[in-house]
Amino acid sequence: MPIFTKTVPLAANGVVDSVMAGSIYERLPWNALVEIGITTDAAGVLTTISSGSDILAESGPVDIGTINRLPIYPDQFHYPDEASFNDLLKISLRDTSGAARVVMVAIRFTPTP
């Protein structure tokens, strides 16, 4: 089961258009159960998540987690989806707090038939 992890620095009032940009998992290489966990160091970060044509979150708040620790499975993995081969996985982030933030992203991929 592959796992994608990324620490994303988010500037004050900044936007990250796609956390997955440049990753081999940006377009899924197979059908998979995708489980996404996202945490941040303080309040004020919003996320929009899509998997293929499925919208999993639209400007939803990101969980506050422990600084420099990945989201805890399964407690902080709030976004599961059955994704298909070649689906585009997109995770956007936006800071609304006016302060720089650190966002931790972890994605578990379980290939399915």
PDB file of N, CA and C in Angstrom:
ATOM      1  N   MET A   1       0.839  -1.164   0.000  1.00  0.00           N
ATOM      2  CA  MET A   1       0.000   0.000   0.000  1.00  0.00           C
ATOM      3  C   MET A   1       0.892   1.238   0.000  1.00  0.00           C
ATOM      4  N   PRO A   2       0.918   1.999  -1.088  1.00  0.00           N
ATOM      5  CA  PRO A   2       1.716   3.226  -1.142  1.00  0.00           C
ATOM      6  C   PRO A   2       1.139   4.312  -0.233  1.00  0.00           C
ATOM      7  N   ILE A   3       2.035   5.146   0.281  1.00  0.00           N
ATOM      8  CA  ILE A   3       1.642   6.287   1.099  1.00  0.00           C
ATOM      9  C   ILE A   3       2.368   7.522   0.574  1.00  0.00           C
ATOM     10  N   PHE A   4       1.618   8.595   0.360  1.00  0.00           N
ATOM     11  CA  PHE A   4       2.170   9.878  -0.061  1.00  0.00           C
ATOM     12  C   PHE A   4       2.152  10.789   1.158  1.00  0.00           C
ATOM     13  N   THR A   5       3.274  11.440   1.447  1.00  0.00           N
ATOM     14  CA  THR A   5       3.313  12.413   2.539  1.00  0.00           C
ATOM     15  C   THR A   5       3.979  13.685   2.043  1.00  0.00           C
ATOM     16  N   LYS A   6       3.519  14.810   2.579  1.00  0.00           N
ATOM     17  CA  LYS A   6       4.113  16.079   2.183  1.00  0.00           C
ATOM     18  C   LYS A   6       3.886  17.111   3.277  1.00  0.00           C
ATOM     19  N   THR A   7       4.935  17.879   3.561  1.00  0.00           N
ATOM     20  CA  THR A   7       4.833  19.035   4.438  1.00  0.00           C
ATOM     21  C   THR A   7       4.744  20.255   3.534  1.00  0.00           C
ATOM     22  N   VAL A   8       3.694  21.044   3.710  1.00  0.00           N
ATOM     23  CA  VAL A   8       3.434  22.176   2.820  1.00  0.00           C
ATOM     24  C   VAL A   8       3.530  23.485   3.612  1.00  0.00           C
ATOM     25  N   PRO A   9       4.536  24.322   3.306  1.00  0.00           N
ATOM     26  CA  PRO A   9       4.551  25.648   3.924  1.00  0.00           C
ATOM     27  C   PRO A   9       3.520  26.532   3.215  1.00  0.00           C
ATOM     28  N   LEU A  10       2.683  27.189   3.999  1.00  0.00           N
ATOM     29  CA  LEU A  10       1.614  28.005   3.446  1.00  0.00           C
ATOM     30  C   LEU A  10       1.815  29.441   3.938  1.00  0.00           C
ATOM     31  N   ALA A  11       2.071  30.352   3.015  1.00  0.00           N
ATOM     32  CA  ALA A  11       2.315  31.759   3.367  1.00  0.00           C
ATOM     33  C   ALA A  11       1.061  32.398   3.953  1.00  0.00           C
ATOM     34  N   ALA A  12       1.254  33.463   4.706  1.00  0.00           N
ATOM     35  CA  ALA A  12       0.124  34.209   5.254  1.00  0.00           C
ATOM     36  C   ALA A  12      -0.801  34.638   4.116  1.00  0.00           C
ATOM     37  N   ASN A  13      -2.075  34.314   4.238  1.00  0.00           N
ATOM     38  CA  ASN A  13      -3.083  34.582   3.205  1.00  0.00           C
ATOM     39  C   ASN A  13      -2.742  33.942   1.864  1.00  0.00           C
ATOM     40  N   GLY A  14      -1.898  32.928   1.894  1.00  0.00           N
ATOM     41  CA  GLY A  14      -1.444  32.279   0.668  1.00  0.00           C
ATOM     42  C   GLY A  14      -2.371  31.172   0.200  1.00  0.00           C
ATOM     43  N   VAL A  15      -2.115  30.740  -1.035  1.00  0.00           N
ATOM     44  CA  VAL A  15      -2.873  29.668  -1.663  1.00  0.00           C
ATOM     45  C   VAL A  15      -1.892  28.687  -2.285  1.00  0.00           C
ATOM     46  N   VAL A  16      -2.140  27.397  -2.105  1.00  0.00           N
ATOM     47  CA  VAL A  16      -1.428  26.345  -2.831  1.00  0.00           C
ATOM     48  C   VAL A  16      -2.471  25.708  -3.726  1.00  0.00           C
ATOM     49  N   ASP A  17      -2.279  25.833  -5.030  1.00  0.00           N
ATOM     50  CA  ASP A  17      -3.287  25.369  -5.988  1.00  0.00           C
ATOM     51  C   ASP A  17      -3.422  23.859  -6.010  1.00  0.00           C
ATOM     52  N   SER A  18      -2.304  23.133  -5.947  1.00  0.00           N
ATOM     53  CA  SER A  18      -2.380  21.671  -5.938  1.00  0.00           C
ATOM     54  C   SER A  18      -1.180  21.072  -5.219  1.00  0.00           C
ATOM     55  N   VAL A  19      -1.456  20.517  -4.058  1.00  0.00           N
ATOM     56  CA  VAL A  19      -0.416  19.839  -3.269  1.00  0.00           C
ATOM     57  C   VAL A  19       0.178  18.685  -4.070  1.00  0.00           C
ATOM     58  N   MET A  20      -0.600  18.069  -4.940  1.00  0.00           N
ATOM     59  CA  MET A  20      -0.181  16.876  -5.679  1.00  0.00           C
ATOM     60  C   MET A  20       0.617  17.186  -6.950  1.00  0.00           C
ATOM     61  N   ALA A  21       0.754  18.442  -7.310  1.00  0.00           N
ATOM     62  CA  ALA A  21       1.445  18.811  -8.553  1.00  0.00           C
ATOM     63  C   ALA A  21       2.831  18.184  -8.602  1.00  0.00           C
ATOM     64  N   GLY A  22       3.110  17.467  -9.673  1.00  0.00           N
ATOM     65  CA  GLY A  22       4.406  16.847  -9.877  1.00  0.00           C
ATOM     66  C   GLY A  22       4.551  15.457  -9.282  1.00  0.00           C
ATOM     67  N   SER A  23       3.583  15.017  -8.496  1.00  0.00           N
ATOM     68  CA  SER A  23       3.644  13.683  -7.897  1.00  0.00           C
ATOM     69  C   SER A  23       3.183  12.629  -8.914  1.00  0.00           C
ATOM     70  N   ILE A  24       3.747  11.417  -8.817  1.00  0.00           N
ATOM     71  CA  ILE A  24       3.277  10.329  -9.694  1.00  0.00           C
ATOM     72  C   ILE A  24       1.847   9.930  -9.358  1.00  0.00           C
ATOM     73  N   TYR A  25       1.368  10.343  -8.172  1.00  0.00           N
ATOM     74  CA  TYR A  25       0.002  10.020  -7.765  1.00  0.00           C
ATOM     75  C   TYR A  25      -0.995  11.134  -8.092  1.00  0.00           C
ATOM     76  N   GLU A  26      -0.538  12.187  -8.776  1.00  0.00           N
ATOM     77  CA  GLU A  26      -1.462  13.249  -9.178  1.00  0.00           C
ATOM     78  C   GLU A  26      -2.553  12.677 -10.091  1.00  0.00           C
ATOM     79  N   ARG A  27      -2.154  11.804 -10.997  1.00  0.00           N
ATOM     80  CA  ARG A  27      -3.097  11.012 -11.807  1.00  0.00           C
ATOM     81  C   ARG A  27      -2.886   9.567 -11.393  1.00  0.00           C
ATOM     82  N   LEU A  28      -3.932   8.947 -10.891  1.00  0.00           N
ATOM     83  CA  LEU A  28      -3.779   7.607 -10.313  1.00  0.00           C
ATOM     84  C   LEU A  28      -3.340   6.582 -11.347  1.00  0.00           C
ATOM     85  N   PRO A  29      -2.309   5.797 -11.003  1.00  0.00           N
ATOM     86  CA  PRO A  29      -1.826   4.780 -11.933  1.00  0.00           C
ATOM     87  C   PRO A  29      -2.655   3.497 -11.923  1.00  0.00           C
ATOM     88  N   TRP A  30      -3.665   3.407 -11.037  1.00  0.00           N
ATOM     89  CA  TRP A  30      -4.545   2.248 -10.929  1.00  0.00           C
ATOM     90  C   TRP A  30      -5.799   2.649 -10.164  1.00  0.00           C
ATOM     91  N   ASN A  31      -6.799   1.777 -10.170  1.00  0.00           N
ATOM     92  CA  ASN A  31      -7.977   1.983  -9.330  1.00  0.00           C
ATOM     93  C   ASN A  31      -7.527   1.841  -7.878  1.00  0.00           C
ATOM     94  N   ALA A  32      -8.086   2.663  -6.980  1.00  0.00           N
ATOM     95  CA  ALA A  32      -7.642   2.587  -5.591  1.00  0.00           C
ATOM     96  C   ALA A  32      -8.651   3.214  -4.639  1.00  0.00           C
ATOM     97  N   LEU A  33      -8.627   2.698  -3.400  1.00  0.00           N
ATOM     98  CA  LEU A  33      -9.266   3.400  -2.298  1.00  0.00           C
ATOM     99  C   LEU A  33      -8.247   4.442  -1.856  1.00  0.00           C
ATOM    100  N   VAL A  34      -8.642   5.703  -1.886  1.00  0.00           N
ATOM    101  CA  VAL A  34      -7.765   6.811  -1.515  1.00  0.00           C
ATOM    102  C   VAL A  34      -8.284   7.363  -0.183  1.00  0.00           C
ATOM    103  N   GLU A  35      -7.401   7.441   0.827  1.00  0.00           N
ATOM    104  CA  GLU A  35      -7.771   7.988   2.125  1.00  0.00           C
ATOM    105  C   GLU A  35      -6.836   9.159   2.422  1.00  0.00           C
ATOM    106  N   ILE A  36      -7.427  10.347   2.620  1.00  0.00           N
ATOM    107  CA  ILE A  36      -6.645  11.575   2.747  1.00  0.00           C
ATOM    108  C   ILE A  36      -6.768  12.140   4.153  1.00  0.00           C
ATOM    109  N   GLY A  37      -5.601  12.433   4.741  1.00  0.00           N
ATOM    110  CA  GLY A  37      -5.551  13.099   6.035  1.00  0.00           C
ATOM    111  C   GLY A  37      -4.785  14.402   5.898  1.00  0.00           C
ATOM    112  N   ILE A  38      -5.325  15.471   6.487  1.00  0.00           N
ATOM    113  CA  ILE A  38      -4.680  16.782   6.410  1.00  0.00           C
ATOM    114  C   ILE A  38      -4.767  17.438   7.786  1.00  0.00           C
ATOM    115  N   THR A  39      -3.636  17.952   8.271  1.00  0.00           N
ATOM    116  CA  THR A  39      -3.627  18.712   9.521  1.00  0.00           C
ATOM    117  C   THR A  39      -2.787  19.969   9.337  1.00  0.00           C
ATOM    118  N   THR A  40      -3.022  20.941  10.212  1.00  0.00           N
ATOM    119  CA  THR A  40      -2.248  22.179  10.189  1.00  0.00           C
ATOM    120  C   THR A  40      -1.874  22.555  11.614  1.00  0.00           C
ATOM    121  N   ASP A  41      -0.954  23.497  11.754  1.00  0.00           N
ATOM    122  CA  ASP A  41      -0.453  23.872  13.073  1.00  0.00           C
ATOM    123  C   ASP A  41      -1.362  24.852  13.821  1.00  0.00           C
ATOM    124  N   ALA A  42      -2.334  25.468  13.163  1.00  0.00           N
ATOM    125  CA  ALA A  42      -3.262  26.394  13.820  1.00  0.00           C
ATOM    126  C   ALA A  42      -4.486  26.592  12.932  1.00  0.00           C
ATOM    127  N   ALA A  43      -5.517  27.204  13.486  1.00  0.00           N
ATOM    128  CA  ALA A  43      -6.766  27.416  12.754  1.00  0.00           C
ATOM    129  C   ALA A  43      -6.582  28.402  11.605  1.00  0.00           C
ATOM    130  N   GLY A  44      -7.498  28.312  10.639  1.00  0.00           N
ATOM    131  CA  GLY A  44      -7.528  29.293   9.562  1.00  0.00           C
ATOM    132  C   GLY A  44      -7.130  28.766   8.204  1.00  0.00           C
ATOM    133  N   VAL A  45      -6.925  27.446   8.076  1.00  0.00           N
ATOM    134  CA  VAL A  45      -6.581  26.871   6.775  1.00  0.00           C
ATOM    135  C   VAL A  45      -7.798  26.125   6.242  1.00  0.00           C
ATOM    136  N   LEU A  46      -8.117  26.386   4.969  1.00  0.00           N
ATOM    137  CA  LEU A  46      -9.229  25.722   4.290  1.00  0.00           C
ATOM    138  C   LEU A  46      -8.690  24.850   3.169  1.00  0.00           C
ATOM    139  N   THR A  47      -9.408  23.762   2.877  1.00  0.00           N
ATOM    140  CA  THR A  47      -8.993  22.870   1.800  1.00  0.00           C
ATOM    141  C   THR A  47     -10.155  22.562   0.863  1.00  0.00           C
ATOM    142  N   THR A  48      -9.820  22.406  -0.408  1.00  0.00           N
ATOM    143  CA  THR A  48     -10.744  21.899  -1.409  1.00  0.00           C
ATOM    144  C   THR A  48     -10.091  20.661  -2.003  1.00  0.00           C
ATOM    145  N   ILE A  49     -10.828  19.551  -2.002  1.00  0.00           N
ATOM    146  CA  ILE A  49     -10.271  18.271  -2.441  1.00  0.00           C
ATOM    147  C   ILE A  49     -11.188  17.666  -3.493  1.00  0.00           C
ATOM    148  N   SER A  50     -10.583  17.236  -4.612  1.00  0.00           N
ATOM    149  CA  SER A  50     -11.340  16.507  -5.624  1.00  0.00           C
ATOM    150  C   SER A  50     -10.554  15.278  -6.062  1.00  0.00           C
ATOM    151  N   SER A  51     -11.314  14.255  -6.403  1.00  0.00           N
ATOM    152  CA  SER A  51     -10.753  12.997  -6.889  1.00  0.00           C
ATOM    153  C   SER A  51     -11.551  12.632  -8.128  1.00  0.00           C
ATOM    154  N   GLY A  52     -10.938  12.847  -9.306  1.00  0.00           N
ATOM    155  CA  GLY A  52     -11.701  12.678 -10.537  1.00  0.00           C
ATOM    156  C   GLY A  52     -12.843  13.685 -10.536  1.00  0.00           C
ATOM    157  N   SER A  53     -14.068  13.215 -10.742  1.00  0.00           N
ATOM    158  CA  SER A  53     -15.228  14.117 -10.739  1.00  0.00           C
ATOM    159  C   SER A  53     -15.863  14.254  -9.357  1.00  0.00           C
ATOM    160  N   ASP A  54     -15.319  13.555  -8.363  1.00  0.00           N
ATOM    161  CA  ASP A  54     -15.864  13.617  -7.004  1.00  0.00           C
ATOM    162  C   ASP A  54     -15.271  14.803  -6.245  1.00  0.00           C
ATOM    163  N   ILE A  55     -16.124  15.620  -5.661  1.00  0.00           N
ATOM    164  CA  ILE A  55     -15.686  16.719  -4.793  1.00  0.00           C
ATOM    165  C   ILE A  55     -15.807  16.201  -3.360  1.00  0.00           C
ATOM    166  N   LEU A  56     -14.663  16.063  -2.678  1.00  0.00           N
ATOM    167  CA  LEU A  56     -14.661  15.529  -1.321  1.00  0.00           C
ATOM    168  C   LEU A  56     -14.775  16.623  -0.269  1.00  0.00           C
ATOM    169  N   ALA A  57     -14.291  17.813  -0.575  1.00  0.00           N
ATOM    170  CA  ALA A  57     -14.394  18.959   0.332  1.00  0.00           C
ATOM    171  C   ALA A  57     -14.333  20.233  -0.503  1.00  0.00           C
ATOM    172  N   GLU A  58     -15.142  21.205  -0.106  1.00  0.00           N
ATOM    173  CA  GLU A  58     -15.101  22.503  -0.783  1.00  0.00           C
ATOM    174  C   GLU A  58     -14.931  23.587   0.271  1.00  0.00           C
ATOM    175  N   SER A  59     -13.728  24.144   0.338  1.00  0.00           N
ATOM    176  CA  SER A  59     -13.372  25.160   1.331  1.00  0.00           C
ATOM    177  C   SER A  59     -13.694  24.705   2.751  1.00  0.00           C
ATOM    178  N   GLY A  60     -13.357  23.446   3.038  1.00  0.00           N
ATOM    179  CA  GLY A  60     -13.567  22.898   4.376  1.00  0.00           C
ATOM    180  C   GLY A  60     -12.387  23.194   5.283  1.00  0.00           C
ATOM    181  N   PRO A  61     -12.638  23.333   6.593  1.00  0.00           N
ATOM    182  CA  PRO A  61     -11.554  23.614   7.527  1.00  0.00           C
ATOM    183  C   PRO A  61     -10.634  22.404   7.690  1.00  0.00           C
ATOM    184  N   VAL A  62      -9.344  22.681   7.877  1.00  0.00           N
ATOM    185  CA  VAL A  62      -8.346  21.635   8.080  1.00  0.00           C
ATOM    186  C   VAL A  62      -8.186  21.410   9.579  1.00  0.00           C
ATOM    187  N   ASP A  63      -8.087  20.139   9.993  1.00  0.00           N
ATOM    188  CA  ASP A  63      -7.879  19.795  11.404  1.00  0.00           C
ATOM    189  C   ASP A  63      -6.608  20.428  11.949  1.00  0.00           C
ATOM    190  N   ILE A  64      -6.654  20.829  13.205  1.00  0.00           N
ATOM    191  CA  ILE A  64      -5.443  21.290  13.878  1.00  0.00           C
ATOM    192  C   ILE A  64      -4.784  20.050  14.477  1.00  0.00           C
ATOM    193  N   GLY A  65      -3.520  19.850  14.150  1.00  0.00           N
ATOM    194  CA  GLY A  65      -2.803  18.684  14.637  1.00  0.00           C
ATOM    195  C   GLY A  65      -1.591  19.083  15.437  1.00  0.00           C
ATOM    196  N   THR A  66      -0.787  18.103  15.763  1.00  0.00           N
ATOM    197  CA  THR A  66       0.458  18.347  16.474  1.00  0.00           C
ATOM    198  C   THR A  66       1.493  18.840  15.475  1.00  0.00           C
ATOM    199  N   ILE A  67       2.240  19.862  15.840  1.00  0.00           N
ATOM    200  CA  ILE A  67       3.233  20.442  14.943  1.00  0.00           C
ATOM    201  C   ILE A  67       4.240  19.381  14.506  1.00  0.00           C
ATOM    202  N   ASN A  68       4.512  19.355  13.210  1.00  0.00           N
ATOM    203  CA  ASN A  68       5.496  18.451  12.601  1.00  0.00           C
ATOM    204  C   ASN A  68       5.166  16.980  12.785  1.00  0.00           C
ATOM    205  N   ARG A  69       3.881  16.630  12.849  1.00  0.00           N
ATOM    206  CA  ARG A  69       3.481  15.230  12.888  1.00  0.00           C
ATOM    207  C   ARG A  69       2.393  14.996  11.854  1.00  0.00           C
ATOM    208  N   LEU A  70       2.545  13.931  11.104  1.00  0.00           N
ATOM    209  CA  LEU A  70       1.559  13.596  10.076  1.00  0.00           C
ATOM    210  C   LEU A  70       0.207  13.298  10.707  1.00  0.00           C
ATOM    211  N   PRO A  71      -0.862  13.420   9.923  1.00  0.00           N
ATOM    212  CA  PRO A  71      -2.190  13.071  10.431  1.00  0.00           C
ATOM    213  C   PRO A  71      -2.209  11.635  10.961  1.00  0.00           C
ATOM    214  N   ILE A  72      -2.990  11.426  12.021  1.00  0.00           N
ATOM    215  CA  ILE A  72      -3.083  10.114  12.667  1.00  0.00           C
ATOM    216  C   ILE A  72      -4.161   9.296  11.969  1.00  0.00           C
ATOM    217  N   TYR A  73      -3.793   8.056  11.617  1.00  0.00           N
ATOM    218  CA  TYR A  73      -4.747   7.158  10.959  1.00  0.00           C
ATOM    219  C   TYR A  73      -5.428   6.302  12.020  1.00  0.00           C
ATOM    220  N   PRO A  74      -6.728   6.150  11.982  1.00  0.00           N
ATOM    221  CA  PRO A  74      -7.712   6.669  11.030  1.00  0.00           C
ATOM    222  C   PRO A  74      -8.362   7.982  11.476  1.00  0.00           C
ATOM    223  N   ASP A  75      -8.005   8.457  12.673  1.00  0.00           N
ATOM    224  CA  ASP A  75      -8.719   9.580  13.287  1.00  0.00           C
ATOM    225  C   ASP A  75      -8.752  10.851  12.443  1.00  0.00           C
ATOM    226  N   GLN A  76      -7.678  11.166  11.750  1.00  0.00           N
ATOM    227  CA  GLN A  76      -7.614  12.428  11.002  1.00  0.00           C
ATOM    228  C   GLN A  76      -7.634  12.225   9.489  1.00  0.00           C
ATOM    229  N   PHE A  77      -8.077  11.070   9.049  1.00  0.00           N
ATOM    230  CA  PHE A  77      -8.238  10.789   7.621  1.00  0.00           C
ATOM    231  C   PHE A  77      -9.728  10.881   7.302  1.00  0.00           C
ATOM    232  N   HIS A  78     -10.192  12.111   7.057  1.00  0.00           N
ATOM    233  CA  HIS A  78     -11.622  12.377   6.896  1.00  0.00           C
ATOM    234  C   HIS A  78     -12.123  12.280   5.455  1.00  0.00           C
ATOM    235  N   TYR A  79     -11.223  12.059   4.504  1.00  0.00           N
ATOM    236  CA  TYR A  79     -11.620  12.143   3.099  1.00  0.00           C
ATOM    237  C   TYR A  79     -11.281  10.853   2.352  1.00  0.00           C
ATOM    238  N   PRO A  80     -12.158   9.837   2.397  1.00  0.00           N
ATOM    239  CA  PRO A  80     -11.942   8.617   1.611  1.00  0.00           C
ATOM    240  C   PRO A  80     -12.658   8.717   0.261  1.00  0.00           C
ATOM    241  N   ASP A  81     -12.137   8.006  -0.728  1.00  0.00           N
ATOM    242  CA  ASP A  81     -12.806   7.953  -2.029  1.00  0.00           C
ATOM    243  C   ASP A  81     -12.366   6.716  -2.792  1.00  0.00           C
ATOM    244  N   GLU A  82     -13.293   6.125  -3.518  1.00  0.00           N
ATOM    245  CA  GLU A  82     -12.975   5.053  -4.463  1.00  0.00           C
ATOM    246  C   GLU A  82     -12.627   5.732  -5.779  1.00  0.00           C
ATOM    247  N   ALA A  83     -11.360   5.778  -6.103  1.00  0.00           N
ATOM    248  CA  ALA A  83     -10.901   6.491  -7.298  1.00  0.00           C
ATOM    249  C   ALA A  83     -10.569   5.498  -8.408  1.00  0.00           C
ATOM    250  N   SER A  84     -10.658   5.974  -9.622  1.00  0.00           N
ATOM    251  CA  SER A  84     -10.404   5.140 -10.796  1.00  0.00           C
ATOM    252  C   SER A  84      -9.063   5.473 -11.435  1.00  0.00           C
ATOM    253  N   PHE A  85      -8.579   4.536 -12.232  1.00  0.00           N
ATOM    254  CA  PHE A  85      -7.358   4.734 -13.003  1.00  0.00           C
ATOM    255  C   PHE A  85      -7.421   6.070 -13.737  1.00  0.00           C
ATOM    256  N   ASN A  86      -6.347   6.832 -13.666  1.00  0.00           N
ATOM    257  CA  ASN A  86      -6.173   8.112 -14.355  1.00  0.00           C
ATOM    258  C   ASN A  86      -7.001   9.268 -13.778  1.00  0.00           C
ATOM    259  N   ASP A  87      -7.703   9.057 -12.656  1.00  0.00           N
ATOM    260  CA  ASP A  87      -8.397  10.176 -12.010  1.00  0.00           C
ATOM    261  C   ASP A  87      -7.369  11.201 -11.538  1.00  0.00           C
ATOM    262  N   LEU A  88      -7.704  12.466 -11.660  1.00  0.00           N
ATOM    263  CA  LEU A  88      -6.859  13.550 -11.175  1.00  0.00           C
ATOM    264  C   LEU A  88      -7.175  13.776  -9.700  1.00  0.00           C
ATOM    265  N   LEU A  89      -6.148  13.710  -8.857  1.00  0.00           N
ATOM    266  CA  LEU A  89      -6.286  13.968  -7.429  1.00  0.00           C
ATOM    267  C   LEU A  89      -5.771  15.372  -7.162  1.00  0.00           C
ATOM    268  N   LYS A  90      -6.649  16.248  -6.672  1.00  0.00           N
ATOM    269  CA  LYS A  90      -6.267  17.641  -6.460  1.00  0.00           C
ATOM    270  C   LYS A  90      -6.623  18.068  -5.042  1.00  0.00           C
ATOM    271  N   ILE A  91      -5.631  18.627  -4.352  1.00  0.00           N
ATOM    272  CA  ILE A  91      -5.821  19.145  -2.999  1.00  0.00           C
ATOM    273  C   ILE A  91      -5.320  20.587  -2.997  1.00  0.00           C
ATOM    274  N   SER A  92      -6.231  21.526  -2.792  1.00  0.00           N
ATOM    275  CA  SER A  92      -5.873  22.943  -2.730  1.00  0.00           C
ATOM    276  C   SER A  92      -5.953  23.412  -1.284  1.00  0.00           C
ATOM    277  N   LEU A  93      -5.089  24.358  -0.929  1.00  0.00           N
ATOM    278  CA  LEU A  93      -5.065  24.910   0.427  1.00  0.00           C
ATOM    279  C   LEU A  93      -5.138  26.424   0.357  1.00  0.00           C
ATOM    280  N   ARG A  94      -5.802  27.029   1.369  1.00  0.00           N
ATOM    281  CA  ARG A  94      -5.884  28.493   1.429  1.00  0.00           C
ATOM    282  C   ARG A  94      -5.834  28.928   2.883  1.00  0.00           C
ATOM    283  N   ASP A  95      -4.929  29.874   3.186  1.00  0.00           N
ATOM    284  CA  ASP A  95      -4.839  30.413   4.538  1.00  0.00           C
ATOM    285  C   ASP A  95      -5.760  31.624   4.674  1.00  0.00           C
ATOM    286  N   THR A  96      -6.558  31.648   5.748  1.00  0.00           N
ATOM    287  CA  THR A  96      -7.441  32.780   6.004  1.00  0.00           C
ATOM    288  C   THR A  96      -7.085  33.488   7.308  1.00  0.00           C
ATOM    289  N   SER A  97      -6.005  33.025   7.966  1.00  0.00           N
ATOM    290  CA  SER A  97      -5.663  33.545   9.292  1.00  0.00           C
ATOM    291  C   SER A  97      -4.761  34.777   9.259  1.00  0.00           C
ATOM    292  N   GLY A  98      -4.098  35.004   8.127  1.00  0.00           N
ATOM    293  CA  GLY A  98      -3.167  36.122   8.043  1.00  0.00           C
ATOM    294  C   GLY A  98      -1.803  35.808   8.622  1.00  0.00           C
ATOM    295  N   ALA A  99      -1.542  34.523   8.900  1.00  0.00           N
ATOM    296  CA  ALA A  99      -0.236  34.102   9.422  1.00  0.00           C
ATOM    297  C   ALA A  99       0.253  32.905   8.626  1.00  0.00           C
ATOM    298  N   ALA A 100       1.550  32.749   8.519  1.00  0.00           N
ATOM    299  CA  ALA A 100       2.107  31.591   7.819  1.00  0.00           C
ATOM    300  C   ALA A 100       1.742  30.320   8.584  1.00  0.00           C
ATOM    301  N   ARG A 101       1.459  29.257   7.862  1.00  0.00           N
ATOM    302  CA  ARG A 101       1.064  27.976   8.450  1.00  0.00           C
ATOM    303  C   ARG A 101       1.887  26.843   7.846  1.00  0.00           C
ATOM    304  N   VAL A 102       1.897  25.722   8.553  1.00  0.00           N
ATOM    305  CA  VAL A 102       2.491  24.492   8.042  1.00  0.00           C
ATOM    306  C   VAL A 102       1.375  23.466   7.979  1.00  0.00           C
ATOM    307  N   VAL A 103       1.209  22.843   6.809  1.00  0.00           N
ATOM    308  CA  VAL A 103       0.156  21.855   6.601  1.00  0.00           C
ATOM    309  C   VAL A 103       0.819  20.505   6.321  1.00  0.00           C
ATOM    310  N   MET A 104       0.339  19.475   7.004  1.00  0.00           N
ATOM    311  CA  MET A 104       0.844  18.118   6.815  1.00  0.00           C
ATOM    312  C   MET A 104      -0.231  17.314   6.062  1.00  0.00           C
ATOM    313  N   VAL A 105       0.186  16.665   4.978  1.00  0.00           N
ATOM    314  CA  VAL A 105      -0.739  15.881   4.154  1.00  0.00           C
ATOM    315  C   VAL A 105      -0.229  14.448   4.093  1.00  0.00           C
ATOM    316  N   ALA A 106      -1.129  13.511   4.312  1.00  0.00           N
ATOM    317  CA  ALA A 106      -0.812  12.085   4.158  1.00  0.00           C
ATOM    318  C   ALA A 106      -1.951  11.423   3.384  1.00  0.00           C
ATOM    319  N   ILE A 107      -1.576  10.602   2.409  1.00  0.00           N
ATOM    320  CA  ILE A 107      -2.582   9.907   1.598  1.00  0.00           C
ATOM    321  C   ILE A 107      -2.216   8.436   1.533  1.00  0.00           C
ATOM    322  N   ARG A 108      -3.172   7.592   1.870  1.00  0.00           N
ATOM    323  CA  ARG A 108      -2.996   6.140   1.775  1.00  0.00           C
ATOM    324  C   ARG A 108      -3.710   5.657   0.524  1.00  0.00           C
ATOM    325  N   PHE A 109      -3.025   4.859  -0.273  1.00  0.00           N
ATOM    326  CA  PHE A 109      -3.590   4.295  -1.501  1.00  0.00           C
ATOM    327  C   PHE A 109      -3.670   2.790  -1.348  1.00  0.00           C
ATOM    328  N   THR A 110      -4.873   2.245  -1.472  1.00  0.00           N
ATOM    329  CA  THR A 110      -5.040   0.800  -1.466  1.00  0.00           C
ATOM    330  C   THR A 110      -5.554   0.396  -2.844  1.00  0.00           C
ATOM    331  N   PRO A 111      -4.690  -0.176  -3.697  1.00  0.00           N
ATOM    332  CA  PRO A 111      -5.137  -0.573  -5.037  1.00  0.00           C
ATOM    333  C   PRO A 111      -6.338  -1.529  -4.964  1.00  0.00           C
ATOM    334  N   THR A 112      -7.281  -1.328  -5.871  1.00  0.00           N
ATOM    335  CA  THR A 112      -8.474  -2.166  -5.949  1.00  0.00           C
ATOM    336  C   THR A 112      -8.616  -2.720  -7.360  1.00  0.00           C
ATOM    337  N   PRO A 113      -9.365  -3.813  -7.499  1.00  0.00           N
ATOM    338  CA  PRO A 113      -9.540  -4.373  -8.855  1.00  0.00           C
ATOM    339  C   PRO A 113     -10.375  -3.492  -9.754  1.00  0.00           C
TER     340      PRO A 113
END
